Amino acid sequence: MVTLSELQIKEVIMMSDGRRLGQISDLEIDGNNGRITALVLIAKDKKSGFFGKADELIIPWRNVEVIGTDVILVNEVKTPTLYSEQELLE
């Protein structure tokens, strides 16, 4: 079994082009069955400002291909979904 803290130290990388997406900050878990539904990453290209919060990158669990010793390879994240506080308020 792998713990969240062990997953958080692994770099998440796109298989198709080798792009580094960042590291896991949290997991989305289905409360009914206890299964992981998505990985939550802090968007690597977005930095939080003084009062702002960095955007989150949500990767569905079905897109995770390999969990290695130091990386997590994901597949087909063509246009990752970014959720910002502004979009959540709308």
C-alpha atoms as a PDB file:
ATOM      1  CA  MET A   1       0.000   0.000   0.000  1.00  0.00           C
ATOM      2  CA  VAL A   2       1.198   3.513  -0.828  1.00  0.00           C
ATOM      3  CA  THR A   3       0.478   6.448   1.474  1.00  0.00           C
ATOM      4  CA  LEU A   4      -0.377   9.999   0.409  1.00  0.00           C
ATOM      5  CA  SER A   5       2.930  11.272   1.774  1.00  0.00           C
ATOM      6  CA  GLU A   6       4.789   8.754  -0.420  1.00  0.00           C
ATOM      7  CA  LEU A   7       2.801   9.899  -3.472  1.00  0.00           C
ATOM      8  CA  GLN A   8       3.448  13.578  -2.705  1.00  0.00           C
ATOM      9  CA  ILE A   9       7.213  13.248  -3.180  1.00  0.00           C
ATOM     10  CA  LYS A  10       6.855  11.770  -6.674  1.00  0.00           C
ATOM     11  CA  GLU A  11       6.958  14.000  -9.756  1.00  0.00           C
ATOM     12  CA  VAL A  12       3.926  13.675 -12.074  1.00  0.00           C
ATOM     13  CA  ILE A  13       5.022  13.469 -15.719  1.00  0.00           C
ATOM     14  CA  MET A  14       3.061  13.373 -18.985  1.00  0.00           C
ATOM     15  CA  MET A  15       3.912  10.216 -20.943  1.00  0.00           C
ATOM     16  CA  SER A  16       3.323  11.700 -24.405  1.00  0.00           C
ATOM     17  CA  ASP A  17       5.834  14.563 -24.212  1.00  0.00           C
ATOM     18  CA  GLY A  18       7.727  14.156 -20.925  1.00  0.00           C
ATOM     19  CA  ARG A  19       6.336  17.419 -19.539  1.00  0.00           C
ATOM     20  CA  ARG A  20       6.573  17.777 -15.766  1.00  0.00           C
ATOM     21  CA  LEU A  21       3.184  18.626 -14.314  1.00  0.00           C
ATOM     22  CA  GLY A  22       4.259  18.976 -10.679  1.00  0.00           C
ATOM     23  CA  GLN A  23       3.698  17.059  -7.473  1.00  0.00           C
ATOM     24  CA  ILE A  24       0.525  15.799  -5.831  1.00  0.00           C
ATOM     25  CA  SER A  25      -0.954  18.067  -3.186  1.00  0.00           C
ATOM     26  CA  ASP A  26      -4.105  16.055  -2.481  1.00  0.00           C
ATOM     27  CA  LEU A  27      -6.355  13.241  -3.679  1.00  0.00           C
ATOM     28  CA  GLU A  28     -10.043  13.168  -4.576  1.00  0.00           C
ATOM     29  CA  ILE A  29     -11.653  10.103  -3.004  1.00  0.00           C
ATOM     30  CA  ASP A  30     -15.118   8.656  -3.619  1.00  0.00           C
ATOM     31  CA  GLY A  31     -16.784   8.612  -0.210  1.00  0.00           C
ATOM     32  CA  ASN A  32     -19.040   5.699  -1.135  1.00  0.00           C
ATOM     33  CA  ASN A  33     -16.353   3.153  -1.959  1.00  0.00           C
ATOM     34  CA  GLY A  34     -13.123   4.748  -0.704  1.00  0.00           C
ATOM     35  CA  ARG A  35     -11.442   4.689  -4.123  1.00  0.00           C
ATOM     36  CA  ILE A  36      -9.218   7.433  -5.501  1.00  0.00           C
ATOM     37  CA  THR A  37     -10.988   9.302  -8.312  1.00  0.00           C
ATOM     38  CA  ALA A  38      -8.380  11.967  -9.138  1.00  0.00           C
ATOM     39  CA  LEU A  39      -4.985  13.418  -8.321  1.00  0.00           C
ATOM     40  CA  VAL A  40      -4.869  17.078  -7.313  1.00  0.00           C
ATOM     41  CA  LEU A  41      -1.704  18.999  -8.215  1.00  0.00           C
ATOM     42  CA  ILE A  42      -0.701  22.606  -7.783  1.00  0.00           C
ATOM     43  CA  ALA A  43      -0.344  23.898 -11.342  1.00  0.00           C
ATOM     44  CA  LYS A  44       3.380  24.156 -12.012  1.00  0.00           C
ATOM     45  CA  ASP A  45       3.087  27.253 -14.224  1.00  0.00           C
ATOM     46  CA  LYS A  46       0.855  29.131 -11.771  1.00  0.00           C
ATOM     47  CA  LYS A  47       2.307  30.645  -8.622  1.00  0.00           C
ATOM     48  CA  SER A  48       0.232  32.000  -5.817  1.00  0.00           C
ATOM     49  CA  GLY A  49       0.482  35.694  -5.206  1.00  0.00           C
ATOM     50  CA  PHE A  50       0.542  37.495  -1.893  1.00  0.00           C
ATOM     51  CA  PHE A  51      -3.215  37.153  -1.403  1.00  0.00           C
ATOM     52  CA  GLY A  52      -3.943  34.651  -4.169  1.00  0.00           C
ATOM     53  CA  LYS A  53      -4.077  30.897  -4.227  1.00  0.00           C
ATOM     54  CA  ALA A  54      -2.377  28.826  -6.905  1.00  0.00           C
ATOM     55  CA  ASP A  55      -4.633  26.987  -9.351  1.00  0.00           C
ATOM     56  CA  GLU A  56      -5.183  23.259  -8.944  1.00  0.00           C
ATOM     57  CA  LEU A  57      -4.644  20.723 -11.690  1.00  0.00           C
ATOM     58  CA  ILE A  58      -7.083  17.793 -11.515  1.00  0.00           C
ATOM     59  CA  ILE A  59      -5.997  14.530 -13.196  1.00  0.00           C
ATOM     60  CA  PRO A  60      -8.581  11.722 -13.286  1.00  0.00           C
ATOM     61  CA  TRP A  61      -7.338   8.443 -11.792  1.00  0.00           C
ATOM     62  CA  ARG A  62      -8.093   6.619 -15.074  1.00  0.00           C
ATOM     63  CA  ASN A  63      -5.274   8.664 -16.684  1.00  0.00           C
ATOM     64  CA  VAL A  64      -2.618   7.326 -14.276  1.00  0.00           C
ATOM     65  CA  GLU A  65      -0.567   4.726 -16.173  1.00  0.00           C
ATOM     66  CA  VAL A  66       2.419   3.944 -13.934  1.00  0.00           C
ATOM     67  CA  ILE A  67       3.399   4.722 -10.357  1.00  0.00           C
ATOM     68  CA  GLY A  68       7.169   4.270 -10.199  1.00  0.00           C
ATOM     69  CA  THR A  69       9.705   4.701  -7.434  1.00  0.00           C
ATOM     70  CA  ASP A  70      10.162   8.431  -8.051  1.00  0.00           C
ATOM     71  CA  VAL A  71       7.637   9.414 -10.775  1.00  0.00           C
ATOM     72  CA  ILE A  72       3.981   8.996 -11.677  1.00  0.00           C
ATOM     73  CA  LEU A  73       3.329   8.737 -15.414  1.00  0.00           C
ATOM     74  CA  VAL A  74      -0.015   9.987 -16.687  1.00  0.00           C
ATOM     75  CA  ASN A  75      -1.551   9.558 -20.108  1.00  0.00           C
ATOM     76  CA  GLU A  76      -3.808  11.718 -22.277  1.00  0.00           C
ATOM     77  CA  VAL A  77      -3.972  14.888 -20.226  1.00  0.00           C
ATOM     78  CA  LYS A  78      -4.238  17.024 -23.354  1.00  0.00           C
ATOM     79  CA  THR A  79      -5.798  20.064 -21.753  1.00  0.00           C
ATOM     80  CA  PRO A  80      -5.682  19.616 -17.978  1.00  0.00           C
ATOM     81  CA  THR A  81      -8.569  21.108 -16.051  1.00  0.00           C
ATOM     82  CA  LEU A  82      -7.589  24.081 -13.941  1.00  0.00           C
ATOM     83  CA  TYR A  83      -9.912  25.171 -11.183  1.00  0.00           C
ATOM     84  CA  SER A  84      -9.377  28.643  -9.848  1.00  0.00           C
ATOM     85  CA  GLU A  85     -11.268  30.349  -7.059  1.00  0.00           C
ATOM     86  CA  GLN A  86     -12.858  32.674  -9.625  1.00  0.00           C
ATOM     87  CA  GLU A  87     -14.356  29.760 -11.594  1.00  0.00           C
ATOM     88  CA  LEU A  88     -15.709  28.148  -8.428  1.00  0.00           C
ATOM     89  CA  LEU A  89     -17.544  31.352  -7.496  1.00  0.00           C
ATOM     90  CA  GLU A  90     -19.300  31.608 -10.877  1.00  0.00           C
END
